[in-house]
Amino acid sequence: MRLLINLFLLAISFLTFSCKTNSRKSFSISIEYSSPWAYPTKYNLTQNSIIVNGTEKRSDRHTKDVYKRLLTQAESDSIYNFLKSISYDTLKDSYQNPNFYDGTGIIIKINGQQLKSKKVLVYMCSTHMTDTLQNLMQRQVLNNKYKYENLCKDQ
């Protein structure tokens, strides 16, 4: 009977340890680019993958998932730790260039395990932190065809 109890405790310890070492911290970042002249493009980054939803060609009428890449455990941990280290929660709810507005906008949403939830609307302008978040997203896209170039950066 004592042997059975020891085996049971050993099995529970093993399962607990293996679950802790393989679990990823939950997070989600989405960045959606929209414009009255084009179909929206949305980037979704989670602890498991990066997905780009958009169109393959300008003539396409419907958006679909055009790019997907699974993240490694190390990539996921690195992104999560980066999000924990930056102060994105200090961003205002919206930013707008007072001199120009054409309907083009960016919506950034962040949430996750032990992360502060944040939603930011950006219209024809940029900040250091919004650029940092967009660059984080674009570094996860390995195919240049699906990267989004921020033409408002450095303004």
C-alpha atoms as a PDB file:
ATOM      1  CA  MET A   1       0.000   0.000   0.000  1.00  0.00           C
ATOM      2  CA  ARG A   2       2.842   2.383   0.847  1.00  0.00           C
ATOM      3  CA  LEU A   3       4.426   1.652  -2.545  1.00  0.00           C
ATOM      4  CA  LEU A   4       1.175   2.563  -4.298  1.00  0.00           C
ATOM      5  CA  ILE A   5       0.948   5.867  -2.423  1.00  0.00           C
ATOM      6  CA  ASN A   6       4.561   6.713  -3.295  1.00  0.00           C
ATOM      7  CA  LEU A   7       3.983   5.900  -6.973  1.00  0.00           C
ATOM      8  CA  PHE A   8       0.836   8.020  -6.965  1.00  0.00           C
ATOM      9  CA  LEU A   9       2.676  10.981  -5.390  1.00  0.00           C
ATOM     10  CA  LEU A  10       5.538  10.568  -7.856  1.00  0.00           C
ATOM     11  CA  ALA A  11       3.111  10.558 -10.788  1.00  0.00           C
ATOM     12  CA  ILE A  12       1.318  13.677  -9.494  1.00  0.00           C
ATOM     13  CA  SER A  13       4.645  15.468  -9.021  1.00  0.00           C
ATOM     14  CA  PHE A  14       5.752  14.549 -12.545  1.00  0.00           C
ATOM     15  CA  LEU A  15       2.476  15.741 -14.090  1.00  0.00           C
ATOM     16  CA  THR A  16       2.568  18.999 -12.145  1.00  0.00           C
ATOM     17  CA  PHE A  17       6.160  19.696 -13.175  1.00  0.00           C
ATOM     18  CA  SER A  18       5.587  18.850 -16.835  1.00  0.00           C
ATOM     19  CA  CYS A  19       2.475  21.030 -17.016  1.00  0.00           C
ATOM     20  CA  LYS A  20       4.302  24.009 -15.520  1.00  0.00           C
ATOM     21  CA  THR A  21       7.272  23.762 -17.856  1.00  0.00           C
ATOM     22  CA  ASN A  22       5.229  23.373 -21.040  1.00  0.00           C
ATOM     23  CA  SER A  23       2.506  25.927 -20.391  1.00  0.00           C
ATOM     24  CA  ARG A  24       2.568  29.228 -22.191  1.00  0.00           C
ATOM     25  CA  LYS A  25       1.371  32.482 -20.704  1.00  0.00           C
ATOM     26  CA  SER A  26      -1.782  33.573 -22.462  1.00  0.00           C
ATOM     27  CA  PHE A  27      -1.683  36.803 -24.493  1.00  0.00           C
ATOM     28  CA  SER A  28      -3.346  38.345 -27.503  1.00  0.00           C
ATOM     29  CA  ILE A  29      -2.391  41.353 -29.594  1.00  0.00           C
ATOM     30  CA  SER A  30      -4.425  42.416 -32.589  1.00  0.00           C
ATOM     31  CA  ILE A  31      -3.702  45.283 -34.929  1.00  0.00           C
ATOM     32  CA  GLU A  32      -6.255  46.167 -37.572  1.00  0.00           C
ATOM     33  CA  TYR A  33      -5.457  48.571 -40.385  1.00  0.00           C
ATOM     34  CA  SER A  34      -8.442  50.054 -42.179  1.00  0.00           C
ATOM     35  CA  SER A  35      -8.908  52.625 -44.888  1.00  0.00           C
ATOM     36  CA  PRO A  36     -11.786  53.786 -47.070  1.00  0.00           C
ATOM     37  CA  TRP A  37      -9.639  52.902 -50.119  1.00  0.00           C
ATOM     38  CA  ALA A  38      -8.749  49.319 -49.272  1.00  0.00           C
ATOM     39  CA  TYR A  39      -9.984  46.222 -47.498  1.00  0.00           C
ATOM     40  CA  PRO A  40      -8.933  45.928 -43.861  1.00  0.00           C
ATOM     41  CA  THR A  41      -5.887  43.935 -42.863  1.00  0.00           C
ATOM     42  CA  LYS A  42      -5.816  42.396 -39.394  1.00  0.00           C
ATOM     43  CA  TYR A  43      -2.863  40.869 -37.557  1.00  0.00           C
ATOM     44  CA  ASN A  44      -3.579  38.535 -34.646  1.00  0.00           C
ATOM     45  CA  LEU A  45      -0.709  37.448 -32.430  1.00  0.00           C
ATOM     46  CA  THR A  46      -1.353  34.955 -29.641  1.00  0.00           C
ATOM     47  CA  GLN A  47       0.833  32.729 -27.526  1.00  0.00           C
ATOM     48  CA  ASN A  48       0.496  30.049 -30.216  1.00  0.00           C
ATOM     49  CA  SER A  49       0.569  31.803 -33.590  1.00  0.00           C
ATOM     50  CA  ILE A  50       0.515  34.875 -35.799  1.00  0.00           C
ATOM     51  CA  ILE A  51      -2.332  35.124 -38.317  1.00  0.00           C
ATOM     52  CA  VAL A  52      -2.779  37.782 -40.990  1.00  0.00           C
ATOM     53  CA  ASN A  53      -6.295  38.280 -42.301  1.00  0.00           C
ATOM     54  CA  GLY A  54      -6.589  40.284 -45.506  1.00  0.00           C
ATOM     55  CA  THR A  55      -6.673  39.879 -49.269  1.00  0.00           C
ATOM     56  CA  GLU A  56      -4.147  38.287 -51.597  1.00  0.00           C
ATOM     57  CA  LYS A  57      -4.905  40.678 -54.466  1.00  0.00           C
ATOM     58  CA  ARG A  58      -6.439  44.125 -54.630  1.00  0.00           C
ATOM     59  CA  SER A  59      -9.256  42.702 -56.743  1.00  0.00           C
ATOM     60  CA  ASP A  60     -10.319  40.242 -54.005  1.00  0.00           C
ATOM     61  CA  ARG A  61     -13.609  41.238 -52.429  1.00  0.00           C
ATOM     62  CA  HIS A  62     -13.459  39.112 -49.287  1.00  0.00           C
ATOM     63  CA  THR A  63     -10.818  38.950 -46.612  1.00  0.00           C
ATOM     64  CA  LYS A  64      -9.442  35.631 -45.438  1.00  0.00           C
ATOM     65  CA  ASP A  65      -6.485  34.276 -43.499  1.00  0.00           C
ATOM     66  CA  VAL A  66      -3.600  34.794 -45.919  1.00  0.00           C
ATOM     67  CA  TYR A  67      -0.686  34.008 -43.588  1.00  0.00           C
ATOM     68  CA  LYS A  68      -0.233  31.840 -40.512  1.00  0.00           C
ATOM     69  CA  ARG A  69       2.834  30.824 -38.549  1.00  0.00           C
ATOM     70  CA  LEU A  70       3.046  28.846 -35.333  1.00  0.00           C
ATOM     71  CA  LEU A  71       5.248  30.273 -32.589  1.00  0.00           C
ATOM     72  CA  THR A  72       7.799  28.248 -30.691  1.00  0.00           C
ATOM     73  CA  GLN A  73       7.690  28.147 -26.901  1.00  0.00           C
ATOM     74  CA  ALA A  74      10.774  30.391 -26.784  1.00  0.00           C
ATOM     75  CA  GLU A  75       9.209  32.954 -29.158  1.00  0.00           C
ATOM     76  CA  SER A  76       5.993  32.956 -27.158  1.00  0.00           C
ATOM     77  CA  ASP A  77       7.840  33.422 -23.852  1.00  0.00           C
ATOM     78  CA  SER A  78       9.970  36.204 -25.314  1.00  0.00           C
ATOM     79  CA  ILE A  79       6.948  38.133 -26.622  1.00  0.00           C
ATOM     80  CA  TYR A  80       5.083  37.712 -23.332  1.00  0.00           C
ATOM     81  CA  ASN A  81       8.093  38.932 -21.327  1.00  0.00           C
ATOM     82  CA  PHE A  82       8.477  41.884 -23.690  1.00  0.00           C
ATOM     83  CA  LEU A  83       4.817  42.851 -23.201  1.00  0.00           C
ATOM     84  CA  LYS A  84       5.265  42.620 -19.430  1.00  0.00           C
ATOM     85  CA  SER A  85       8.319  44.917 -19.629  1.00  0.00           C
ATOM     86  CA  ILE A  86       6.871  47.802 -21.672  1.00  0.00           C
ATOM     87  CA  SER A  87       4.414  50.443 -20.476  1.00  0.00           C
ATOM     88  CA  TYR A  88       1.791  50.176 -23.218  1.00  0.00           C
ATOM     89  CA  ASP A  89      -0.886  50.770 -20.568  1.00  0.00           C
ATOM     90  CA  THR A  90       0.126  54.468 -20.486  1.00  0.00           C
ATOM     91  CA  LEU A  91      -1.187  54.952 -24.030  1.00  0.00           C
ATOM     92  CA  LYS A  92      -4.242  57.164 -24.429  1.00  0.00           C
ATOM     93  CA  ASP A  93      -7.424  55.650 -25.822  1.00  0.00           C
ATOM     94  CA  SER A  94      -6.951  57.456 -29.133  1.00  0.00           C
ATOM     95  CA  TYR A  95      -4.488  59.530 -31.137  1.00  0.00           C
ATOM     96  CA  GLN A  96      -5.375  61.691 -34.097  1.00  0.00           C
ATOM     97  CA  ASN A  97      -3.401  63.996 -36.350  1.00  0.00           C
ATOM     98  CA  PRO A  98      -5.325  67.285 -36.024  1.00  0.00           C
ATOM     99  CA  ASN A  99      -4.084  68.498 -39.400  1.00  0.00           C
ATOM    100  CA  PHE A 100      -5.183  65.542 -41.482  1.00  0.00           C
ATOM    101  CA  TYR A 101      -7.879  62.905 -41.316  1.00  0.00           C
ATOM    102  CA  ASP A 102      -8.866  60.740 -44.262  1.00  0.00           C
ATOM    103  CA  GLY A 103     -10.617  57.847 -42.526  1.00  0.00           C
ATOM    104  CA  THR A 104      -7.510  55.669 -42.309  1.00  0.00           C
ATOM    105  CA  GLY A 105      -7.147  54.126 -38.887  1.00  0.00           C
ATOM    106  CA  ILE A 106      -5.385  51.551 -36.776  1.00  0.00           C
ATOM    107  CA  ILE A 107      -6.938  49.690 -33.857  1.00  0.00           C
ATOM    108  CA  ILE A 108      -4.542  48.049 -31.405  1.00  0.00           C
ATOM    109  CA  LYS A 109      -5.871  45.645 -28.757  1.00  0.00           C
ATOM    110  CA  ILE A 110      -3.828  43.865 -26.094  1.00  0.00           C
ATOM    111  CA  ASN A 111      -4.855  41.502 -23.326  1.00  0.00           C
ATOM    112  CA  GLY A 112      -3.645  38.385 -21.583  1.00  0.00           C
ATOM    113  CA  GLN A 113      -2.665  36.615 -18.432  1.00  0.00           C
ATOM    114  CA  GLN A 114      -1.353  39.176 -15.926  1.00  0.00           C
ATOM    115  CA  LEU A 115      -1.373  41.837 -18.678  1.00  0.00           C
ATOM    116  CA  LYS A 116      -3.437  45.003 -18.615  1.00  0.00           C
ATOM    117  CA  SER A 117      -6.099  45.108 -21.308  1.00  0.00           C
ATOM    118  CA  LYS A 118      -5.776  48.049 -23.656  1.00  0.00           C
ATOM    119  CA  LYS A 119      -7.493  49.287 -26.796  1.00  0.00           C
ATOM    120  CA  VAL A 120      -6.005  52.205 -28.728  1.00  0.00           C
ATOM    121  CA  LEU A 121      -7.347  53.935 -31.847  1.00  0.00           C
ATOM    122  CA  VAL A 122      -4.751  55.687 -34.007  1.00  0.00           C
ATOM    123  CA  TYR A 123      -5.682  58.015 -36.888  1.00  0.00           C
ATOM    124  CA  MET A 124      -2.928  59.267 -39.226  1.00  0.00           C
ATOM    125  CA  CYS A 125      -0.283  59.631 -36.539  1.00  0.00           C
ATOM    126  CA  SER A 126       2.121  57.579 -34.509  1.00  0.00           C
ATOM    127  CA  THR A 127       3.810  57.383 -31.111  1.00  0.00           C
ATOM    128  CA  HIS A 128       6.936  55.615 -29.971  1.00  0.00           C
ATOM    129  CA  MET A 129       4.842  52.981 -28.161  1.00  0.00           C
ATOM    130  CA  THR A 130       2.409  52.357 -31.044  1.00  0.00           C
ATOM    131  CA  ASP A 131       5.417  52.000 -33.365  1.00  0.00           C
ATOM    132  CA  THR A 132       6.985  49.557 -30.886  1.00  0.00           C
ATOM    133  CA  LEU A 133       3.841  47.412 -30.847  1.00  0.00           C
ATOM    134  CA  GLN A 134       3.524  47.481 -34.643  1.00  0.00           C
ATOM    135  CA  ASN A 135       7.193  46.550 -35.035  1.00  0.00           C
ATOM    136  CA  LEU A 136       6.747  43.663 -32.584  1.00  0.00           C
ATOM    137  CA  MET A 137       3.884  42.373 -34.720  1.00  0.00           C
ATOM    138  CA  GLN A 138       5.709  42.802 -38.032  1.00  0.00           C
ATOM    139  CA  ARG A 139       8.826  40.976 -36.773  1.00  0.00           C
ATOM    140  CA  GLN A 140       6.658  37.869 -36.322  1.00  0.00           C
ATOM    141  CA  VAL A 141       5.658  37.883 -40.006  1.00  0.00           C
ATOM    142  CA  LEU A 142       8.492  36.123 -41.816  1.00  0.00           C
ATOM    143  CA  ASN A 143       7.135  36.588 -45.351  1.00  0.00           C
ATOM    144  CA  ASN A 144       7.684  40.191 -46.514  1.00  0.00           C
ATOM    145  CA  LYS A 145       4.626  39.978 -48.758  1.00  0.00           C
ATOM    146  CA  TYR A 146       2.379  40.097 -45.666  1.00  0.00           C
ATOM    147  CA  LYS A 147       4.205  42.787 -43.704  1.00  0.00           C
ATOM    148  CA  TYR A 148       2.469  46.114 -43.284  1.00  0.00           C
ATOM    149  CA  GLU A 149       4.540  49.247 -43.745  1.00  0.00           C
ATOM    150  CA  ASN A 150       3.642  52.054 -41.345  1.00  0.00           C
ATOM    151  CA  LEU A 151       3.908  55.188 -43.468  1.00  0.00           C
ATOM    152  CA  CYS A 152       3.067  57.455 -40.500  1.00  0.00           C
ATOM    153  CA  LYS A 153       6.020  56.461 -38.325  1.00  0.00           C
ATOM    154  CA  ASP A 154       8.455  59.198 -37.350  1.00  0.00           C
ATOM    155  CA  GLN A 155       5.714  61.864 -37.547  1.00  0.00           C
END
